[in-house]
Protein backbone atom coordinates (compact mmCIF):
# COMPACT_ATOMS: atom_id res chain seq x y z
CA MET A 1 83.59 60.05 37.49
CA LEU A 2 80.83 57.11 38.57
CA LEU A 3 78.25 59.63 37.07
CA LEU A 4 79.50 60.65 33.95
CA GLY A 5 78.73 57.17 32.65
CA VAL A 6 75.59 57.30 33.77
CA THR A 7 73.99 60.79 33.88
CA GLY A 8 75.67 61.52 29.80
CA GLY A 9 77.88 63.52 31.87
CA LEU A 10 76.12 66.13 33.58
CA LEU A 11 78.91 67.52 35.58
CA ARG A 12 81.67 66.96 32.91
CA GLY A 13 83.59 70.18 34.53
CA LEU A 14 83.94 68.31 37.83
CA ARG A 15 86.79 66.84 36.81
CA TYR A 16 88.82 70.14 36.76
CA ARG A 17 87.44 71.84 39.57
CA LYS A 18 90.14 73.67 41.51
CA VAL A 19 88.11 74.39 44.58
CA ILE A 20 89.97 72.76 48.06
CA ARG A 21 87.44 71.74 50.13
CA SER A 22 88.22 71.36 54.15
CA VAL A 23 85.81 69.24 56.23
CA THR A 24 86.38 68.68 59.90
CA ASN A 25 85.51 65.69 61.69
CA LEU A 26 83.75 66.89 64.91
CA ALA A 27 84.59 63.52 66.99
CA SER A 28 88.14 63.63 66.67
CA ARG A 29 88.38 67.68 65.75
CA THR A 30 90.64 66.44 62.48
CA GLU A 31 90.43 68.50 59.56
CA VAL A 32 90.57 67.00 56.20
CA THR A 33 91.26 68.65 52.86
CA TYR A 34 90.17 67.28 49.61
CA ARG A 35 89.32 68.24 45.83
CA GLN A 36 86.58 66.92 43.91
CA GLY A 37 88.08 64.84 41.19
CA GLN A 38 91.54 64.82 42.64
CA SER A 39 94.24 62.14 41.31
CA PRO A 40 96.81 61.44 44.21
CA GLU A 41 97.76 58.17 41.93
CA PRO A 42 98.15 58.46 37.73
CA ARG A 43 94.67 57.41 36.21
CA ILE A 44 93.02 57.40 39.52
CA ARG A 45 90.19 59.66 40.36
CA GLU A 46 88.77 60.59 44.04
CA TYR A 47 85.01 61.85 44.75
CA PHE A 48 83.43 62.87 47.95
CA TYR A 49 79.89 62.39 48.78
CA TYR A 50 77.40 62.62 51.81
CA ILE A 51 74.05 61.28 52.79
CA ASP A 52 71.45 62.55 54.64
CA HIS A 53 69.16 61.46 57.04
CA GLN A 54 66.12 60.98 54.39
CA GLY A 55 68.38 58.62 51.92
CA GLN A 56 69.02 61.82 49.73
CA LEU A 57 72.77 61.68 48.25
CA PHE A 58 74.96 64.81 47.20
CA LEU A 59 78.56 65.53 46.49
CA ASP A 60 79.85 66.62 49.98
CA ASP A 61 80.79 70.10 49.07
CA THR A 62 77.48 71.30 47.62
CA LYS A 63 76.26 73.93 49.67
CA VAL A 64 72.77 74.04 50.03
CA LYS A 65 71.25 70.38 50.21
CA ASN A 66 67.99 69.82 49.53
CA PHE A 67 65.50 67.61 47.18
CA VAL A 68 66.74 69.93 44.21
CA THR A 69 70.59 69.37 44.70
CA CYS A 70 70.34 65.82 45.53
CA PHE A 71 71.13 62.81 42.95
CA LYS A 72 67.68 61.50 41.76
CA ASP A 73 68.92 59.76 38.48
CA LYS A 74 67.58 55.93 39.94
CA ASP A 75 70.09 54.25 37.84
CA PHE A 76 73.15 55.89 39.39
CA LEU A 77 71.93 55.67 42.53
CA VAL A 78 71.59 51.71 42.18
CA PHE A 79 75.24 51.48 40.56
CA PHE A 80 76.47 53.78 43.32
CA PHE A 81 74.36 51.71 46.40
CA SER A 82 75.28 48.77 45.11
CA ARG A 83 78.57 49.12 44.97
CA LEU A 84 79.31 50.72 48.29
CA ARG A 85 81.08 48.99 51.25
CA ARG A 86 83.48 50.16 54.23
CA ASN A 87 86.14 52.33 53.57
CA GLU A 88 89.32 50.30 53.96
CA SER A 89 91.13 51.67 51.44
CA GLY A 90 93.42 53.68 54.16
CA ARG A 91 92.38 57.04 52.36
CA TYR A 92 89.99 59.53 54.40
CA GLN A 93 88.63 56.39 56.33
CA ASP A 94 87.44 58.45 59.65
CA LEU A 95 85.95 60.88 57.83
CA PHE A 96 84.59 58.79 55.10
CA PRO A 97 83.76 55.25 56.50
CA PHE A 98 82.17 53.83 53.07
CA LEU A 99 83.37 53.64 49.47
CA SER A 100 81.89 52.83 46.22
CA LEU A 101 84.49 51.90 43.76
CA CYS A 102 83.76 52.03 39.48
CA GLY A 103 86.91 50.83 37.89
CA ARG A 104 89.46 53.31 38.85
CA GLU A 105 87.29 55.77 40.20
CA ARG A 106 86.99 56.16 44.25
CA ASN A 107 83.75 57.24 45.67
CA PHE A 108 83.90 58.09 49.13
CA LEU A 109 80.67 58.48 51.60
CA ARG A 110 80.34 60.10 54.51
CA CYS A 111 76.58 60.14 56.40
CA ASP A 112 74.49 61.93 58.56
CA ASP A 113 73.34 58.63 60.37
CA ARG A 114 73.65 55.64 58.49
CA PRO A 115 74.77 55.03 54.87
CA LEU A 116 71.45 53.02 54.08
CA VAL A 117 68.42 54.90 54.61
CA PHE A 118 65.34 52.93 54.01
CA THR A 119 62.66 54.83 51.89
CA HIS A 120 59.82 53.34 50.75
CA LEU A 121 57.74 49.85 52.24
CA MET A 122 56.79 48.55 48.79
CA PRO A 123 54.55 45.30 48.02
CA ALA A 124 56.14 41.91 47.49
CA ILE A 125 57.72 41.40 44.84
CA ARG A 126 56.35 38.44 43.05
CA ASP A 127 58.96 36.80 41.65
CA THR A 128 61.48 37.13 44.99
CA ALA A 129 63.38 34.04 44.65
CA THR A 130 64.15 33.77 48.17
CA VAL A 131 61.05 33.91 50.81
CA SER A 132 62.26 34.39 54.40
CA ALA A 133 60.08 35.04 57.28
CA GLY A 134 58.40 38.07 57.66
CA ALA A 135 55.40 40.08 56.67
CA MET A 136 54.03 38.03 53.77
CA GLY A 137 52.17 39.70 50.95
CA GLU A 138 49.48 37.99 48.93
CA SER A 139 52.38 36.30 46.80
CA GLY A 140 53.49 34.53 49.24
CA ALA A 141 56.89 36.97 49.55
CA PRO A 142 57.77 39.06 52.01
CA GLU A 143 57.20 42.96 51.72
CA GLN A 144 60.15 44.83 50.57
CA LEU A 145 61.83 48.34 52.28
CA SER A 146 63.32 50.10 49.42
CA PHE A 147 66.64 51.94 50.23
CA CYS A 148 68.01 55.28 49.02
CA TRP A 149 65.90 55.86 46.39
CA GLY A 150 66.56 52.89 44.20
CA GLY A 151 62.75 51.44 44.09
CA ASP A 152 62.68 47.43 43.79
CA LYS A 153 66.29 47.47 42.27
CA LEU A 154 67.56 48.65 45.84
CA SER A 155 65.54 46.54 48.66
CA VAL A 156 65.46 44.21 51.12
CA PRO A 157 63.07 41.93 52.81
CA PHE A 158 60.82 43.66 55.53
CA HIS A 159 60.83 42.00 58.89
CA PRO A 160 58.41 43.80 61.35
CA GLU A 161 59.95 41.67 64.31
CA SER A 162 63.73 43.14 63.46
CA LEU A 163 62.13 46.62 63.63
CA TYR A 164 64.09 48.62 66.10
CA MET A 165 63.32 52.22 68.17
CA GLN A 166 66.34 53.96 69.16
CA PRO A 167 65.55 54.99 72.74
CA SER A 168 66.99 58.58 73.01
CA SER A 169 66.22 59.71 69.28
CA GLY A 170 62.73 57.68 68.68
CA ARG A 171 64.58 56.86 65.17
CA VAL A 172 63.86 53.83 63.98
CA TYR A 173 65.88 51.29 62.41
CA HIS A 174 65.70 47.65 60.27
CA PRO A 175 68.98 45.16 59.75
CA CYS A 176 70.70 45.69 56.39
CA SER A 177 73.44 44.20 54.52
CA GLU A 178 76.61 43.30 57.15
CA HIS A 179 78.63 45.17 54.41
CA LEU A 180 76.64 48.69 55.15
CA GLY A 181 77.04 48.34 58.96
CA GLY A 182 74.26 45.75 59.54
CA VAL A 183 71.79 48.51 59.84
CA GLY A 184 70.12 51.22 58.28
CA LEU A 185 67.79 53.96 59.36
CA VAL A 186 64.21 54.15 58.40
CA ARG A 187 63.48 57.79 57.34
CA SER A 188 61.20 60.17 59.01
CA ALA A 189 57.99 59.87 56.59
CA LEU A 190 58.28 56.10 56.56
CA ALA A 191 58.81 56.08 60.52
CA MET A 192 55.58 58.24 61.12
CA GLU A 193 53.69 56.08 58.76
CA LEU A 194 54.88 52.88 60.58
CA SER A 195 54.33 54.18 64.38
CA PRO A 196 51.01 53.50 64.81
CA PHE A 197 51.87 49.80 64.96
CA PHE A 198 54.08 50.03 67.65
CA VAL A 199 53.12 48.43 71.30
CA TYR A 200 54.81 49.59 74.34
CA PRO A 201 54.29 47.92 77.94
CA PRO A 202 50.72 48.94 79.62
CA GLY A 203 51.06 52.32 81.46
CA GLN A 204 54.32 53.99 79.40
CA GLY A 205 52.22 54.87 76.29
CA GLN A 206 55.02 56.13 73.60
CA SER A 207 57.58 57.43 76.33
CA GLY A 208 58.86 53.62 76.55
CA GLN A 209 60.73 51.04 74.66
CA PRO A 210 57.99 49.55 72.42
CA THR A 211 57.60 45.52 72.83
CA HIS A 212 55.82 44.79 69.78
CA PHE A 213 55.24 45.83 66.47
CA LEU A 214 51.26 44.78 65.03
CA TRP A 215 51.68 43.89 61.01
CA ALA A 216 49.64 42.00 58.47
CA GLY A 217 47.43 40.55 61.35
CA GLN A 218 50.11 39.47 63.43
CA ARG A 219 51.52 40.70 66.81
CA HIS A 220 55.52 40.67 66.30
CA THR A 221 57.75 40.67 69.26
CA LEU A 222 60.44 43.08 68.78
CA THR A 223 64.08 41.34 68.57
CA ASN A 224 65.86 44.63 69.13
CA GLU A 225 68.67 42.96 67.54
CA VAL A 226 70.17 45.81 65.73
CA ALA A 227 70.69 47.48 68.41
CA GLY A 228 74.18 46.14 68.99
CA CYS A 229 75.41 47.77 65.30
CA LEU A 230 74.21 51.29 66.52
CA PRO A 231 77.18 53.04 68.82
CA ARG A 232 75.87 54.30 72.16
CA GLU A 233 76.38 57.86 71.08
CA GLU A 234 73.87 57.82 67.85
CA GLY A 235 70.29 59.40 67.99
CA THR A 236 71.48 61.21 70.99
CA VAL A 237 69.49 64.47 69.70
CA PRO A 238 65.67 64.47 69.22
CA GLY A 239 64.28 65.22 66.04
CA ASP A 240 64.73 64.58 62.26
CA GLY A 241 64.32 60.74 61.12
CA GLY A 242 62.18 59.96 64.46
CA VAL A 243 58.76 59.48 65.12
CA GLY A 244 57.96 61.40 67.92
């Protein structure tokens, strides 16, 4: 398992678990059965993970998913998410649409919303090699959005004009790498911190769609460029991850 090489065998016994888990895809009502550490081919192992709307990563079959049971080792998180790609393996693609490969190990991932969740907004990194348009820190480099609790080792430049608030849910999104779907979710706590800087059309209050974002002394016109990356059915239930 990918985790064993990073955390010193914390879950060494996981390879030999005999419990078979069944997961139902609610969209298609199909049931997927797997066993953690299963070997469908010689010398191949498969593991299954889940990421929630707060960016917390769990083994998919963890019964109680909370801060106590999620993975917290930063080296492991960086290792896992830096290798995450769309699942085009032909296995479990419907329910586990993303895959992190580690040698002969396949680590399948499903998510509550998006596979990448922005957890922190960090100051500009002074040695950033490439400076792009966006909110600039004192160093002249853009501020960074860190994702999945990886600190400065997992981050993208923050572009205020690219923030997008999903109308039906109030969840906030920001662009990310195309191989991770092109858009990441901003976790609820960070979305709440950013919410006072959204500007709405006159007379609509916060019930309408924001048109601008005030940041770093500038009024940024929101492009809503990532709206097309979100399927229509996503974000239809108000609640976690939103700013309302």
